[in-house]
Amino acid sequence: MPSKILIVEDEAPIREMLAFVMEQHGYQPIQAADFDIALEKMVEPYPDMILLDWMLPGGSGIQLARQVKTTEHLRHIPIIMLTARGEEEDKIKGLEVGADDYVTKPFSPKELIARMRAVFRRVSPTHLDEPIDINGLQLDPVSHRVSAHNDSLEMGPTEFRLLHFFMTHPERVYSREQLLDHVWGTNVYVEDRTVDVHIRRLRKAIERHGHDSLIQTVRGVGYRFSTR
């Protein structure tokens, strides 16, 4: 399943050009012409990135960025501001509310795609070294240890990577294909059903204290790690 890119831009020709560029590079574009439509589009499965124009009908891009970054289940979505405003003060304002990058119009599609890839690499939390604790389930990427309420748990390296990915990307639904890309890597050939096998193993490894319920099956879509 390709990454979903929400394009929030009120000028139809620019919006459609961006959608075309996204499709050309293997992304799935979703279009929104104004502030309210953009908010309506932020439902599960959530966009993987937002390309956000500064000036919008119904509210500014800055307001939208602030709303996204202060909403718990949306704050992980990276934002690239697209605007004709090139002044340093405006760039700072955009970055201060949580935008991950800033591209000034006019820009080349090649530059935008390069910036998008750079942001995806930069914001991917699977490379972070900080220990994670969710509902008493603790994972330490440095020591490669997992515990539940300080009770040590055993699991294989693939289950560890899968759990690390889930814990750093909570409340989002991922298809088997996306999990294969993120956890196994795009250069490895593995069948989709292999994901199900490792999900079962992972659930078994963390079931002692009831944490297996955190890994939810979303019928017809994939899997989600959620405390809800």
Protein backbone atom coordinates (compact mmCIF):
# COMPACT_ATOMS: atom_id res chain seq x y z
CA MET A 1 0.00 0.00 0.00
CA PRO A 2 1.62 3.31 -1.06
CA SER A 3 2.16 6.15 1.42
CA LYS A 4 -0.81 8.53 1.57
CA ILE A 5 0.05 12.18 0.97
CA LEU A 6 -2.56 14.78 1.91
CA ILE A 7 -2.23 17.81 -0.42
CA VAL A 8 -3.84 20.89 1.14
CA GLU A 9 -3.85 23.60 -1.54
CA ASP A 10 -6.67 25.90 -2.64
CA GLU A 11 -5.42 26.50 -6.19
CA ALA A 12 -6.74 23.60 -8.27
CA PRO A 13 -4.00 23.61 -10.98
CA ILE A 14 -1.23 23.45 -8.35
CA ARG A 15 -3.10 20.82 -6.33
CA GLU A 16 -3.65 18.63 -9.39
CA MET A 17 -0.03 19.04 -10.51
CA LEU A 18 1.13 17.92 -7.06
CA ALA A 19 -1.26 14.95 -7.13
CA PHE A 20 0.16 13.94 -10.52
CA VAL A 21 3.74 14.19 -9.21
CA MET A 22 2.81 12.08 -6.16
CA GLU A 23 1.31 9.36 -8.36
CA GLN A 24 4.37 9.41 -10.63
CA HIS A 25 6.57 8.67 -7.60
CA GLY A 26 4.41 5.89 -6.19
CA TYR A 27 2.51 7.85 -3.54
CA GLN A 28 -1.25 7.95 -3.04
CA PRO A 29 -2.42 11.58 -3.16
CA ILE A 30 -5.48 12.86 -1.27
CA GLN A 31 -6.63 16.37 -2.13
CA ALA A 32 -8.13 19.07 0.07
CA ALA A 33 -9.01 22.56 -1.20
CA ASP A 34 -9.53 24.24 2.17
CA PHE A 35 -9.05 24.06 5.94
CA ASP A 36 -12.27 22.16 6.75
CA ILE A 37 -11.87 19.55 4.00
CA ALA A 38 -8.29 18.96 5.17
CA LEU A 39 -9.54 18.16 8.68
CA GLU A 40 -12.20 15.82 7.25
CA LYS A 41 -9.48 13.88 5.39
CA MET A 42 -7.50 13.20 8.56
CA VAL A 43 -9.15 9.89 9.39
CA GLU A 44 -7.85 6.33 9.59
CA PRO A 45 -5.78 5.20 7.87
CA TYR A 46 -4.13 8.58 8.53
CA PRO A 47 -2.04 10.38 5.89
CA ASP A 48 1.69 9.59 6.02
CA MET A 49 2.56 13.22 5.20
CA ILE A 50 0.83 16.56 4.67
CA LEU A 51 1.86 19.05 1.97
CA LEU A 52 0.35 22.23 3.33
CA ASP A 53 -0.20 25.60 1.65
CA TRP A 54 0.24 28.70 3.82
CA MET A 55 -2.91 30.55 2.69
CA LEU A 56 -6.19 28.60 2.78
CA PRO A 57 -9.91 29.36 2.71
CA GLY A 58 -11.41 28.80 6.17
CA GLY A 59 -8.17 29.12 8.10
CA SER A 60 -4.41 29.39 7.60
CA GLY A 61 -1.91 26.62 7.02
CA ILE A 62 -0.26 27.72 10.26
CA GLN A 63 -3.51 27.13 12.18
CA LEU A 64 -3.91 23.71 10.56
CA ALA A 65 -0.30 22.73 11.34
CA ARG A 66 -0.77 23.82 14.95
CA GLN A 67 -3.97 21.77 15.23
CA VAL A 68 -2.32 18.67 13.77
CA LYS A 69 0.74 18.92 16.01
CA THR A 70 -1.33 19.38 19.18
CA THR A 71 -3.71 16.47 18.48
CA GLU A 72 -2.41 13.24 20.03
CA HIS A 73 -3.35 10.83 17.22
CA LEU A 74 -2.20 13.21 14.43
CA ARG A 75 0.99 14.76 15.83
CA HIS A 76 3.24 12.07 14.31
CA ILE A 77 2.28 13.13 10.74
CA PRO A 78 5.13 15.11 9.13
CA ILE A 79 4.21 18.43 7.50
CA ILE A 80 5.93 20.26 4.64
CA MET A 81 4.72 23.85 4.23
CA LEU A 82 4.32 25.00 0.61
CA THR A 83 4.19 28.73 0.17
CA ALA A 84 5.16 31.74 -1.90
CA ARG A 85 6.35 33.41 1.30
CA GLY A 86 10.12 33.30 1.33
CA GLU A 87 10.79 35.63 4.23
CA GLU A 88 12.83 34.16 7.07
CA GLU A 89 10.28 35.28 9.67
CA ASP A 90 7.52 33.30 7.96
CA LYS A 91 9.71 30.20 7.72
CA ILE A 92 10.45 30.43 11.44
CA LYS A 93 6.72 30.80 12.18
CA GLY A 94 5.97 27.64 10.19
CA LEU A 95 8.71 25.62 11.85
CA GLU A 96 7.74 26.86 15.31
CA VAL A 97 4.24 25.38 15.04
CA GLY A 98 5.71 22.01 14.11
CA ALA A 99 6.22 21.96 10.31
CA ASP A 100 9.06 19.59 9.43
CA ASP A 101 10.25 21.47 6.36
CA TYR A 102 9.44 24.48 4.24
CA VAL A 103 9.45 24.67 0.43
CA THR A 104 9.07 28.06 -1.25
CA LYS A 105 7.12 28.35 -4.52
CA PRO A 106 8.01 28.00 -7.29
CA PHE A 107 9.80 24.68 -6.72
CA SER A 108 10.67 21.77 -8.98
CA PRO A 109 8.91 18.43 -8.46
CA LYS A 110 12.36 16.83 -8.13
CA GLU A 111 13.24 19.15 -5.23
CA LEU A 112 9.91 18.48 -3.48
CA ILE A 113 10.28 14.69 -3.73
CA ALA A 114 13.87 14.95 -2.41
CA ARG A 115 12.64 17.07 0.53
CA MET A 116 9.82 14.61 1.23
CA ARG A 117 12.19 11.65 1.30
CA ALA A 118 14.56 13.56 3.58
CA VAL A 119 11.71 14.36 5.99
CA PHE A 120 10.51 10.73 5.97
CA ARG A 121 14.05 9.60 6.86
CA ARG A 122 14.42 12.27 9.52
CA VAL A 123 11.11 11.77 11.30
CA SER A 124 11.15 7.97 11.26
CA PRO A 125 11.37 7.18 14.94
CA THR A 126 12.51 3.58 14.46
CA HIS A 127 16.12 4.79 14.60
CA LEU A 128 15.74 6.47 17.98
CA ASP A 129 17.63 5.01 20.91
CA GLU A 130 15.38 6.11 23.76
CA PRO A 131 13.64 3.38 25.81
CA ILE A 132 9.87 3.25 25.25
CA ASP A 133 7.24 2.43 27.87
CA ILE A 134 3.59 1.93 26.94
CA ASN A 135 1.21 0.60 29.61
CA GLY A 136 4.08 -1.08 31.45
CA LEU A 137 5.47 -2.74 28.29
CA GLN A 138 9.07 -1.53 28.06
CA LEU A 139 11.43 -1.76 25.10
CA ASP A 140 15.08 -0.62 25.15
CA PRO A 141 16.54 -0.38 21.61
CA VAL A 142 20.13 -0.04 22.91
CA SER A 143 20.25 -3.09 25.19
CA HIS A 144 17.76 -4.93 22.94
CA ARG A 145 15.65 -5.90 25.95
CA VAL A 146 11.88 -6.08 26.36
CA SER A 147 10.09 -6.32 29.68
CA ALA A 148 6.56 -6.11 31.03
CA HIS A 149 6.25 -4.47 34.45
CA ASN A 150 10.00 -5.18 34.90
CA ASP A 151 9.46 -8.87 34.06
CA SER A 152 11.93 -9.79 31.28
CA LEU A 153 10.38 -11.10 28.02
CA GLU A 154 12.04 -13.26 25.36
CA MET A 155 11.47 -12.80 21.62
CA GLY A 156 13.29 -13.22 18.32
CA PRO A 157 14.99 -10.36 16.41
CA THR A 158 12.13 -9.97 13.91
CA GLU A 159 9.53 -9.78 16.68
CA PHE A 160 11.70 -7.21 18.44
CA ARG A 161 11.89 -5.03 15.29
CA LEU A 162 8.15 -5.43 14.76
CA LEU A 163 7.39 -4.42 18.35
CA HIS A 164 9.78 -1.46 18.11
CA PHE A 165 8.05 -0.27 14.95
CA PHE A 166 4.59 -0.64 16.51
CA MET A 167 5.56 1.14 19.73
CA THR A 168 7.05 4.07 17.83
CA HIS A 169 4.03 4.30 15.49
CA PRO A 170 1.01 3.82 17.79
CA GLU A 171 -2.65 4.38 16.86
CA ARG A 172 -2.08 3.83 13.13
CA VAL A 173 -3.23 1.01 10.89
CA TYR A 174 -0.51 -0.61 8.76
CA SER A 175 -1.13 -3.09 5.95
CA ARG A 176 1.03 -6.21 5.69
CA GLU A 177 2.84 -4.62 2.75
CA GLN A 178 3.70 -1.51 4.79
CA LEU A 179 4.95 -3.63 7.70
CA LEU A 180 7.11 -5.62 5.28
CA ASP A 181 8.61 -2.39 3.92
CA HIS A 182 9.23 -0.84 7.35
CA VAL A 183 10.34 -3.90 9.33
CA TRP A 184 11.84 -6.30 6.81
CA GLY A 185 13.04 -3.70 4.28
CA THR A 186 12.18 -3.23 0.62
CA ASN A 187 15.11 -5.34 -0.63
CA VAL A 188 13.92 -8.54 1.07
CA TYR A 189 11.40 -10.84 -0.56
CA VAL A 190 8.97 -12.12 2.06
CA GLU A 191 5.36 -13.19 1.55
CA ASP A 192 2.59 -11.12 3.13
CA ARG A 193 1.42 -14.05 5.26
CA THR A 194 4.84 -14.12 6.96
CA VAL A 195 3.72 -10.95 8.76
CA ASP A 196 0.79 -12.87 10.31
CA VAL A 197 3.16 -15.57 11.61
CA HIS A 198 5.40 -13.00 13.31
CA ILE A 199 2.41 -11.09 14.70
CA ARG A 200 1.23 -14.34 16.34
CA ARG A 201 4.71 -14.95 17.78
CA LEU A 202 4.92 -11.38 19.04
CA ARG A 203 1.50 -11.56 20.70
CA LYS A 204 2.53 -14.81 22.42
CA ALA A 205 5.79 -13.20 23.63
CA ILE A 206 3.98 -10.27 25.29
CA GLU A 207 0.78 -11.99 26.47
CA ARG A 208 1.98 -12.73 30.05
CA HIS A 209 0.73 -9.38 31.35
CA GLY A 210 -2.06 -8.95 28.79
CA HIS A 211 -0.09 -6.73 26.39
CA ASP A 212 -1.02 -8.91 23.40
CA SER A 213 -4.31 -6.96 23.29
CA LEU A 214 -2.31 -3.84 22.26
CA ILE A 215 -1.76 -5.40 18.82
CA GLN A 216 -5.13 -5.17 17.13
CA THR A 217 -6.22 -6.80 13.89
CA VAL A 218 -8.13 -4.39 11.64
CA ARG A 219 -10.15 -6.65 9.38
CA GLY A 220 -9.40 -6.23 5.70
CA VAL A 221 -6.69 -3.62 6.34
CA GLY A 222 -3.89 -4.83 8.59
CA TYR A 223 -2.70 -4.23 12.14
CA ARG A 224 -2.64 -1.41 14.66
CA PHE A 225 -0.81 -0.93 17.98
CA SER A 226 -3.25 0.86 20.28
CA THR A 227 -4.01 1.42 23.95
CA ARG A 228 -7.65 2.24 23.14
